[in-house]
Amino acid sequence: MGRLTQVTIDFETSHLLFPTIIAIVLGLLGLAIVIRDRGRIAAAGGYWAGIWRDMDKPRFLGAIGLSLLYFSLMVPVGDIWPNTGRGFLYCSIPYVFLTGVLFMHDRSPRSLLPLAIVALAGPIFVWWLFTYPLFLTLP
């Protein structure tokens, strides 16, 4: 009977409880949508073929590639300076700049200057905000 009042927490895995519950709920909801709309999903092949044909493939695939590169490099770069957030900072500056360049129509030096300022100031401000006032470390 005395064990009913004791609580033990496994700190190695306790942080995984809510993400696991949310993933299960989202998976069940997704499965319910697939079951409910299976006819419309099966008939959507022509719709997606038209979307793929008409889309701006270099920008779409470039944004996906830059995002994958950004997220895959952030932790290894951050491991060089652990618990400082510099991985976030040093990866975010080129990511913001290159993504902006990718989506710009006019890439003249005059139009690249504001983008370069934003690419420098934005990540530096976010890094400073999380590091000093909020005392949170970024990767």
C-alpha atoms as a PDB file:
ATOM      1  CA  MET A   1       0.000   0.000   0.000  1.00  0.00           C
ATOM      2  CA  GLY A   2       2.934   2.337   0.612  1.00  0.00           C
ATOM      3  CA  ARG A   3       3.980   2.144  -3.040  1.00  0.00           C
ATOM      4  CA  LEU A   4       0.798   3.990  -4.098  1.00  0.00           C
ATOM      5  CA  THR A   5       2.197   7.230  -2.695  1.00  0.00           C
ATOM      6  CA  GLN A   6       5.619   6.923  -4.359  1.00  0.00           C
ATOM      7  CA  VAL A   7       6.336   8.510  -7.702  1.00  0.00           C
ATOM      8  CA  THR A   8       9.343   7.623  -9.819  1.00  0.00           C
ATOM      9  CA  ILE A   9      10.221   9.543 -12.960  1.00  0.00           C
ATOM     10  CA  ASP A  10      12.467   8.160 -15.652  1.00  0.00           C
ATOM     11  CA  PHE A  11      14.147  11.370 -16.816  1.00  0.00           C
ATOM     12  CA  GLU A  12      15.725   9.597 -19.797  1.00  0.00           C
ATOM     13  CA  THR A  13      12.333   9.122 -21.483  1.00  0.00           C
ATOM     14  CA  SER A  14       9.830  11.309 -19.602  1.00  0.00           C
ATOM     15  CA  HIS A  15      10.084  14.149 -22.134  1.00  0.00           C
ATOM     16  CA  LEU A  16       8.803  11.793 -24.854  1.00  0.00           C
ATOM     17  CA  LEU A  17       5.363  11.239 -23.297  1.00  0.00           C
ATOM     18  CA  PHE A  18       3.406  14.146 -24.818  1.00  0.00           C
ATOM     19  CA  PRO A  19       5.025  14.058 -28.284  1.00  0.00           C
ATOM     20  CA  THR A  20       4.181  10.352 -28.437  1.00  0.00           C
ATOM     21  CA  ILE A  21       0.561  10.991 -27.454  1.00  0.00           C
ATOM     22  CA  ILE A  22       0.257  13.809 -30.007  1.00  0.00           C
ATOM     23  CA  ALA A  23       1.838  11.659 -32.750  1.00  0.00           C
ATOM     24  CA  ILE A  24      -0.608   8.827 -32.038  1.00  0.00           C
ATOM     25  CA  VAL A  25      -3.615  11.182 -32.071  1.00  0.00           C
ATOM     26  CA  LEU A  26      -2.467  12.830 -35.329  1.00  0.00           C
ATOM     27  CA  GLY A  27      -1.830   9.417 -36.881  1.00  0.00           C
ATOM     28  CA  LEU A  28      -5.336   8.231 -35.963  1.00  0.00           C
ATOM     29  CA  LEU A  29      -6.893  11.427 -37.310  1.00  0.00           C
ATOM     30  CA  GLY A  30      -4.902  11.086 -40.543  1.00  0.00           C
ATOM     31  CA  LEU A  31      -6.022   7.475 -40.885  1.00  0.00           C
ATOM     32  CA  ALA A  32      -9.646   8.542 -40.351  1.00  0.00           C
ATOM     33  CA  ILE A  33      -9.297  11.166 -43.098  1.00  0.00           C
ATOM     34  CA  VAL A  34      -7.770   8.633 -45.507  1.00  0.00           C
ATOM     35  CA  ILE A  35     -10.568   6.137 -44.798  1.00  0.00           C
ATOM     36  CA  ARG A  36     -13.304   8.773 -45.127  1.00  0.00           C
ATOM     37  CA  ASP A  37     -11.958  10.398 -48.313  1.00  0.00           C
ATOM     38  CA  ARG A  38     -10.350   7.390 -50.014  1.00  0.00           C
ATOM     39  CA  GLY A  39     -12.323   7.934 -53.231  1.00  0.00           C
ATOM     40  CA  ARG A  40     -11.299  11.574 -53.589  1.00  0.00           C
ATOM     41  CA  ILE A  41      -7.692  10.747 -52.702  1.00  0.00           C
ATOM     42  CA  ALA A  42      -7.524   8.006 -55.340  1.00  0.00           C
ATOM     43  CA  ALA A  43      -8.941  10.352 -58.004  1.00  0.00           C
ATOM     44  CA  ALA A  44      -6.516  13.193 -57.178  1.00  0.00           C
ATOM     45  CA  GLY A  45      -3.654  11.927 -59.374  1.00  0.00           C
ATOM     46  CA  GLY A  46      -4.572  14.191 -62.278  1.00  0.00           C
ATOM     47  CA  TYR A  47      -4.869  17.193 -60.001  1.00  0.00           C
ATOM     48  CA  TRP A  48      -1.367  16.703 -58.570  1.00  0.00           C
ATOM     49  CA  ALA A  49       0.079  16.087 -62.025  1.00  0.00           C
ATOM     50  CA  GLY A  50      -1.220  19.498 -63.073  1.00  0.00           C
ATOM     51  CA  ILE A  51       0.170  21.120 -59.937  1.00  0.00           C
ATOM     52  CA  TRP A  52       3.598  19.556 -60.547  1.00  0.00           C
ATOM     53  CA  ARG A  53       3.542  20.589 -64.212  1.00  0.00           C
ATOM     54  CA  ASP A  54       2.638  24.237 -63.486  1.00  0.00           C
ATOM     55  CA  MET A  55       4.740  24.865 -60.368  1.00  0.00           C
ATOM     56  CA  ASP A  56       7.988  26.802 -60.115  1.00  0.00           C
ATOM     57  CA  LYS A  57      10.196  23.755 -59.617  1.00  0.00           C
ATOM     58  CA  PRO A  58      13.549  25.503 -59.012  1.00  0.00           C
ATOM     59  CA  ARG A  59      12.129  27.579 -56.171  1.00  0.00           C
ATOM     60  CA  PHE A  60      10.118  24.718 -54.672  1.00  0.00           C
ATOM     61  CA  LEU A  61      12.933  22.179 -54.789  1.00  0.00           C
ATOM     62  CA  GLY A  62      15.519  24.808 -53.857  1.00  0.00           C
ATOM     63  CA  ALA A  63      13.565  25.776 -50.740  1.00  0.00           C
ATOM     64  CA  ILE A  64      13.237  22.129 -49.731  1.00  0.00           C
ATOM     65  CA  GLY A  65      16.945  21.517 -50.363  1.00  0.00           C
ATOM     66  CA  LEU A  66      18.029  24.624 -48.447  1.00  0.00           C
ATOM     67  CA  SER A  67      15.753  23.712 -45.528  1.00  0.00           C
ATOM     68  CA  LEU A  68      17.098  20.161 -45.368  1.00  0.00           C
ATOM     69  CA  LEU A  69      20.669  21.454 -45.495  1.00  0.00           C
ATOM     70  CA  TYR A  70      19.911  24.070 -42.818  1.00  0.00           C
ATOM     71  CA  PHE A  71      18.388  21.618 -40.357  1.00  0.00           C
ATOM     72  CA  SER A  72      20.991  18.929 -40.992  1.00  0.00           C
ATOM     73  CA  LEU A  73      23.932  21.320 -40.470  1.00  0.00           C
ATOM     74  CA  MET A  74      22.627  23.193 -37.431  1.00  0.00           C
ATOM     75  CA  VAL A  75      23.518  20.554 -34.811  1.00  0.00           C
ATOM     76  CA  PRO A  76      26.966  19.614 -36.192  1.00  0.00           C
ATOM     77  CA  VAL A  77      27.930  23.288 -36.435  1.00  0.00           C
ATOM     78  CA  GLY A  78      26.493  23.868 -32.946  1.00  0.00           C
ATOM     79  CA  ASP A  79      28.563  20.994 -31.560  1.00  0.00           C
ATOM     80  CA  ILE A  80      31.712  22.983 -32.358  1.00  0.00           C
ATOM     81  CA  TRP A  81      30.566  25.608 -29.789  1.00  0.00           C
ATOM     82  CA  PRO A  82      28.296  23.636 -27.424  1.00  0.00           C
ATOM     83  CA  ASN A  83      25.455  25.366 -25.562  1.00  0.00           C
ATOM     84  CA  THR A  84      26.053  28.772 -27.137  1.00  0.00           C
ATOM     85  CA  GLY A  85      23.471  28.760 -29.946  1.00  0.00           C
ATOM     86  CA  ARG A  86      26.105  29.517 -32.534  1.00  0.00           C
ATOM     87  CA  GLY A  87      25.011  26.588 -34.682  1.00  0.00           C
ATOM     88  CA  PHE A  88      21.657  28.324 -35.052  1.00  0.00           C
ATOM     89  CA  LEU A  89      23.294  31.691 -35.648  1.00  0.00           C
ATOM     90  CA  TYR A  90      25.935  30.599 -38.160  1.00  0.00           C
ATOM     91  CA  CYS A  91      23.488  28.450 -40.135  1.00  0.00           C
ATOM     92  CA  SER A  92      20.568  30.897 -40.064  1.00  0.00           C
ATOM     93  CA  ILE A  93      22.391  33.841 -41.635  1.00  0.00           C
ATOM     94  CA  PRO A  94      23.218  32.072 -44.942  1.00  0.00           C
ATOM     95  CA  TYR A  95      19.869  30.219 -44.886  1.00  0.00           C
ATOM     96  CA  VAL A  96      17.853  33.445 -44.653  1.00  0.00           C
ATOM     97  CA  PHE A  97      20.016  35.116 -47.302  1.00  0.00           C
ATOM     98  CA  LEU A  98      19.985  32.226 -49.785  1.00  0.00           C
ATOM     99  CA  THR A  99      16.261  31.614 -49.353  1.00  0.00           C
ATOM    100  CA  GLY A 100      15.614  35.302 -49.957  1.00  0.00           C
ATOM    101  CA  VAL A 101      17.808  35.274 -53.071  1.00  0.00           C
ATOM    102  CA  LEU A 102      16.022  32.153 -54.292  1.00  0.00           C
ATOM    103  CA  PHE A 103      12.623  33.844 -54.146  1.00  0.00           C
ATOM    104  CA  MET A 104      13.682  37.278 -55.447  1.00  0.00           C
ATOM    105  CA  HIS A 105      12.805  38.223 -58.997  1.00  0.00           C
ATOM    106  CA  ASP A 106      15.198  41.177 -59.225  1.00  0.00           C
ATOM    107  CA  ARG A 107      18.642  40.163 -57.967  1.00  0.00           C
ATOM    108  CA  SER A 108      20.461  43.448 -58.473  1.00  0.00           C
ATOM    109  CA  PRO A 109      23.014  44.554 -55.858  1.00  0.00           C
ATOM    110  CA  ARG A 110      20.650  47.341 -54.818  1.00  0.00           C
ATOM    111  CA  SER A 111      17.896  44.854 -53.992  1.00  0.00           C
ATOM    112  CA  LEU A 112      20.295  42.400 -52.310  1.00  0.00           C
ATOM    113  CA  LEU A 113      21.470  44.958 -49.735  1.00  0.00           C
ATOM    114  CA  PRO A 114      18.209  45.031 -47.694  1.00  0.00           C
ATOM    115  CA  LEU A 115      18.101  41.243 -47.828  1.00  0.00           C
ATOM    116  CA  ALA A 116      21.673  41.029 -46.524  1.00  0.00           C
ATOM    117  CA  ILE A 117      20.805  43.393 -43.670  1.00  0.00           C
ATOM    118  CA  VAL A 118      17.758  41.320 -42.726  1.00  0.00           C
ATOM    119  CA  ALA A 119      19.754  38.074 -43.044  1.00  0.00           C
ATOM    120  CA  LEU A 120      22.299  39.466 -40.572  1.00  0.00           C
ATOM    121  CA  ALA A 121      20.042  41.371 -38.178  1.00  0.00           C
ATOM    122  CA  GLY A 122      17.195  38.845 -37.897  1.00  0.00           C
ATOM    123  CA  PRO A 123      19.143  35.772 -36.742  1.00  0.00           C
ATOM    124  CA  ILE A 124      21.464  37.876 -34.557  1.00  0.00           C
ATOM    125  CA  PHE A 125      18.457  39.426 -32.800  1.00  0.00           C
ATOM    126  CA  VAL A 126      16.734  36.048 -32.308  1.00  0.00           C
ATOM    127  CA  TRP A 127      19.992  34.499 -31.030  1.00  0.00           C
ATOM    128  CA  TRP A 128      20.511  37.418 -28.606  1.00  0.00           C
ATOM    129  CA  LEU A 129      16.880  37.272 -27.434  1.00  0.00           C
ATOM    130  CA  PHE A 130      16.974  33.559 -26.697  1.00  0.00           C
ATOM    131  CA  THR A 131      20.496  33.608 -25.195  1.00  0.00           C
ATOM    132  CA  TYR A 132      20.439  36.596 -22.850  1.00  0.00           C
ATOM    133  CA  PRO A 133      16.948  37.756 -21.815  1.00  0.00           C
ATOM    134  CA  LEU A 134      15.312  34.298 -22.041  1.00  0.00           C
ATOM    135  CA  PHE A 135      18.339  32.163 -21.000  1.00  0.00           C
ATOM    136  CA  LEU A 136      17.506  29.467 -23.576  1.00  0.00           C
ATOM    137  CA  THR A 137      20.132  27.740 -25.665  1.00  0.00           C
ATOM    138  CA  LEU A 138      19.593  27.092 -29.338  1.00  0.00           C
ATOM    139  CA  PRO A 139      21.294  24.258 -31.246  1.00  0.00           C
END
